[in-house]
């Protein structure tokens, strides 16, 4: 089907103050392209840049934990040290007109902390 046949899908949209170029949204998908220490990798940037270049209006990046001690995955947004790497990712997506947001998580009792950090799941230390 052509864009002409789906005018609403390809028209701009707003979510609150966020202006989207269209209504194509990429749901979060586990790629395991993040670096092992939670940092954004070049492979992850390239992958999401390609989706933005392909016309996705909003990318919801795969699950990222907010607590390094109680992770659900090895990816995270738990430290200000990660901001420059996430800025590079955001800039790469924005360069193609798309917007990006994280899927954030704190798994509580479902944490992989026993495997990844040796802490008891769901306990705040």
C-alpha atoms as a PDB file:
ATOM      1  CA  UNK A   1       0.000   0.000   0.000  1.00  0.00           C
ATOM      2  CA  UNK A   2       1.279   3.453  -0.816  1.00  0.00           C
ATOM      3  CA  UNK A   3       1.632   6.429   1.493  1.00  0.00           C
ATOM      4  CA  UNK A   4      -1.233   8.023  -0.394  1.00  0.00           C
ATOM      5  CA  UNK A   5      -3.462   5.193   0.804  1.00  0.00           C
ATOM      6  CA  UNK A   6      -2.561   5.771   4.458  1.00  0.00           C
ATOM      7  CA  UNK A   7      -2.490   9.548   4.937  1.00  0.00           C
ATOM      8  CA  UNK A   8      -3.066   9.414   8.716  1.00  0.00           C
ATOM      9  CA  UNK A   9      -0.216   6.942   9.277  1.00  0.00           C
ATOM     10  CA  UNK A  10       2.288   9.201   7.570  1.00  0.00           C
ATOM     11  CA  UNK A  11       1.006  12.486   8.976  1.00  0.00           C
ATOM     12  CA  UNK A  12       2.687  14.223  11.942  1.00  0.00           C
ATOM     13  CA  UNK A  13       1.384  13.529  15.436  1.00  0.00           C
ATOM     14  CA  UNK A  14       1.862  14.817  18.964  1.00  0.00           C
ATOM     15  CA  UNK A  15       2.196  13.013  22.263  1.00  0.00           C
ATOM     16  CA  UNK A  16       1.981  15.822  24.789  1.00  0.00           C
ATOM     17  CA  UNK A  17       4.788  18.222  23.858  1.00  0.00           C
ATOM     18  CA  UNK A  18       6.563  15.602  21.727  1.00  0.00           C
ATOM     19  CA  UNK A  19       6.165  16.212  17.982  1.00  0.00           C
ATOM     20  CA  UNK A  20       6.478  13.079  15.828  1.00  0.00           C
ATOM     21  CA  UNK A  21       7.093  13.160  12.072  1.00  0.00           C
ATOM     22  CA  UNK A  22       4.580  10.329  11.560  1.00  0.00           C
ATOM     23  CA  UNK A  23       2.682   7.637  13.455  1.00  0.00           C
ATOM     24  CA  UNK A  24       5.065   4.757  12.783  1.00  0.00           C
ATOM     25  CA  UNK A  25       6.245   3.455  16.158  1.00  0.00           C
ATOM     26  CA  UNK A  26       8.882   0.781  16.665  1.00  0.00           C
ATOM     27  CA  UNK A  27       8.100  -1.290  19.745  1.00  0.00           C
ATOM     28  CA  UNK A  28      10.990  -2.230  22.041  1.00  0.00           C
ATOM     29  CA  UNK A  29      12.784  -5.379  20.936  1.00  0.00           C
ATOM     30  CA  UNK A  30      15.635  -7.157  22.673  1.00  0.00           C
ATOM     31  CA  UNK A  31      18.638  -6.977  20.361  1.00  0.00           C
ATOM     32  CA  UNK A  32      21.420  -7.602  22.881  1.00  0.00           C
ATOM     33  CA  UNK A  33      23.436  -5.012  20.925  1.00  0.00           C
ATOM     34  CA  UNK A  34      24.279  -2.999  24.046  1.00  0.00           C
ATOM     35  CA  UNK A  35      27.788  -3.391  25.397  1.00  0.00           C
ATOM     36  CA  UNK A  36      28.127  -5.911  28.216  1.00  0.00           C
ATOM     37  CA  UNK A  37      28.577  -3.211  30.849  1.00  0.00           C
ATOM     38  CA  UNK A  38      25.327  -1.450  29.986  1.00  0.00           C
ATOM     39  CA  UNK A  39      26.894   1.054  27.643  1.00  0.00           C
ATOM     40  CA  UNK A  40      25.463   1.872  24.249  1.00  0.00           C
ATOM     41  CA  UNK A  41      27.457   0.094  21.535  1.00  0.00           C
ATOM     42  CA  UNK A  42      28.186   1.221  17.983  1.00  0.00           C
ATOM     43  CA  UNK A  43      26.149  -1.776  16.795  1.00  0.00           C
ATOM     44  CA  UNK A  44      23.089  -0.583  18.744  1.00  0.00           C
ATOM     45  CA  UNK A  45      23.474   2.957  17.376  1.00  0.00           C
ATOM     46  CA  UNK A  46      23.791   1.632  13.814  1.00  0.00           C
ATOM     47  CA  UNK A  47      20.738  -0.614  14.250  1.00  0.00           C
ATOM     48  CA  UNK A  48      18.460   2.117  15.571  1.00  0.00           C
ATOM     49  CA  UNK A  49      19.837   4.710  13.134  1.00  0.00           C
ATOM     50  CA  UNK A  50      18.810   2.397  10.286  1.00  0.00           C
ATOM     51  CA  UNK A  51      15.250   2.208  11.640  1.00  0.00           C
ATOM     52  CA  UNK A  52      15.089   5.998  11.857  1.00  0.00           C
ATOM     53  CA  UNK A  53      16.505   6.330   8.349  1.00  0.00           C
ATOM     54  CA  UNK A  54      13.841   3.860   7.175  1.00  0.00           C
ATOM     55  CA  UNK A  55      11.062   6.167   8.313  1.00  0.00           C
ATOM     56  CA  UNK A  56      10.073   5.152  11.835  1.00  0.00           C
ATOM     57  CA  UNK A  57       8.728   8.229  13.639  1.00  0.00           C
ATOM     58  CA  UNK A  58       9.200   7.006  17.226  1.00  0.00           C
ATOM     59  CA  UNK A  59      11.630   4.343  18.407  1.00  0.00           C
ATOM     60  CA  UNK A  60      11.080   2.808  21.817  1.00  0.00           C
ATOM     61  CA  UNK A  61      14.518   1.445  22.685  1.00  0.00           C
ATOM     62  CA  UNK A  62      14.769  -1.941  24.333  1.00  0.00           C
ATOM     63  CA  UNK A  63      14.389  -2.374  28.068  1.00  0.00           C
ATOM     64  CA  UNK A  64      16.949  -0.514  30.152  1.00  0.00           C
ATOM     65  CA  UNK A  65      17.306  -0.899  33.892  1.00  0.00           C
ATOM     66  CA  UNK A  66      17.411   2.019  36.294  1.00  0.00           C
ATOM     67  CA  UNK A  67      19.255   0.194  39.104  1.00  0.00           C
ATOM     68  CA  UNK A  68      22.628  -1.420  38.352  1.00  0.00           C
ATOM     69  CA  UNK A  69      22.423  -3.499  41.525  1.00  0.00           C
ATOM     70  CA  UNK A  70      19.113  -5.132  40.576  1.00  0.00           C
ATOM     71  CA  UNK A  71      19.155  -5.561  36.806  1.00  0.00           C
ATOM     72  CA  UNK A  72      16.692  -7.297  34.564  1.00  0.00           C
ATOM     73  CA  UNK A  73      19.146  -7.077  31.676  1.00  0.00           C
ATOM     74  CA  UNK A  74      22.780  -5.997  31.353  1.00  0.00           C
ATOM     75  CA  UNK A  75      21.608  -2.699  29.763  1.00  0.00           C
ATOM     76  CA  UNK A  76      20.926   0.350  31.796  1.00  0.00           C
ATOM     77  CA  UNK A  77      20.259   3.983  32.441  1.00  0.00           C
ATOM     78  CA  UNK A  78      21.558   3.837  35.984  1.00  0.00           C
ATOM     79  CA  UNK A  79      24.409   6.327  35.919  1.00  0.00           C
ATOM     80  CA  UNK A  80      25.178   9.831  34.692  1.00  0.00           C
ATOM     81  CA  UNK A  81      28.311   8.275  33.174  1.00  0.00           C
ATOM     82  CA  UNK A  82      26.025   6.691  30.551  1.00  0.00           C
ATOM     83  CA  UNK A  83      24.611  10.039  29.366  1.00  0.00           C
ATOM     84  CA  UNK A  84      27.261  10.755  26.657  1.00  0.00           C
ATOM     85  CA  UNK A  85      26.708   7.325  25.072  1.00  0.00           C
ATOM     86  CA  UNK A  86      22.942   7.758  25.105  1.00  0.00           C
ATOM     87  CA  UNK A  87      23.409  11.265  23.670  1.00  0.00           C
ATOM     88  CA  UNK A  88      25.276   9.736  20.689  1.00  0.00           C
ATOM     89  CA  UNK A  89      22.414   7.280  20.196  1.00  0.00           C
ATOM     90  CA  UNK A  90      19.786  10.013  20.457  1.00  0.00           C
ATOM     91  CA  UNK A  91      21.669  12.296  18.058  1.00  0.00           C
ATOM     92  CA  UNK A  92      21.966   9.463  15.497  1.00  0.00           C
ATOM     93  CA  UNK A  93      18.205   8.857  15.591  1.00  0.00           C
ATOM     94  CA  UNK A  94      17.307  12.564  15.587  1.00  0.00           C
ATOM     95  CA  UNK A  95      19.519  13.118  12.528  1.00  0.00           C
ATOM     96  CA  UNK A  96      16.884  11.234  10.513  1.00  0.00           C
ATOM     97  CA  UNK A  97      13.906  13.070  12.004  1.00  0.00           C
ATOM     98  CA  UNK A  98      12.814  10.294  14.360  1.00  0.00           C
ATOM     99  CA  UNK A  99      12.333  10.511  18.105  1.00  0.00           C
ATOM    100  CA  UNK A 100      13.474   7.971  20.671  1.00  0.00           C
ATOM    101  CA  UNK A 101      12.482   7.001  24.191  1.00  0.00           C
ATOM    102  CA  UNK A 102      13.657   4.209  26.492  1.00  0.00           C
ATOM    103  CA  UNK A 103      11.629   1.377  27.894  1.00  0.00           C
ATOM    104  CA  UNK A 104      12.737   1.621  31.519  1.00  0.00           C
ATOM    105  CA  UNK A 105      12.530  -1.157  34.073  1.00  0.00           C
ATOM    106  CA  UNK A 106      13.143  -2.112  37.659  1.00  0.00           C
ATOM    107  CA  UNK A 107      12.302  -5.804  37.972  1.00  0.00           C
ATOM    108  CA  UNK A 108      12.111  -5.983  41.772  1.00  0.00           C
ATOM    109  CA  UNK A 109      11.718  -9.652  42.709  1.00  0.00           C
ATOM    110  CA  UNK A 110      12.266 -10.757  39.092  1.00  0.00           C
ATOM    111  CA  UNK A 111      15.741  -9.258  39.084  1.00  0.00           C
ATOM    112  CA  UNK A 112      18.672 -11.169  37.659  1.00  0.00           C
ATOM    113  CA  UNK A 113      20.754  -9.728  40.494  1.00  0.00           C
ATOM    114  CA  UNK A 114      21.560 -13.183  41.933  1.00  0.00           C
ATOM    115  CA  UNK A 115      23.139 -14.131  38.588  1.00  0.00           C
ATOM    116  CA  UNK A 116      24.605 -10.782  37.535  1.00  0.00           C
ATOM    117  CA  UNK A 117      25.635  -9.108  40.815  1.00  0.00           C
ATOM    118  CA  UNK A 118      25.311 -11.762  43.515  1.00  0.00           C
ATOM    119  CA  UNK A 119      22.684  -9.740  45.446  1.00  0.00           C
ATOM    120  CA  UNK A 120      19.341 -11.126  46.521  1.00  0.00           C
ATOM    121  CA  UNK A 121      16.603 -10.208  44.034  1.00  0.00           C
ATOM    122  CA  UNK A 122      14.479  -7.211  44.949  1.00  0.00           C
ATOM    123  CA  UNK A 123      16.508  -6.196  47.985  1.00  0.00           C
ATOM    124  CA  UNK A 124      17.773  -2.667  48.225  1.00  0.00           C
ATOM    125  CA  UNK A 125      21.176  -2.587  49.873  1.00  0.00           C
END
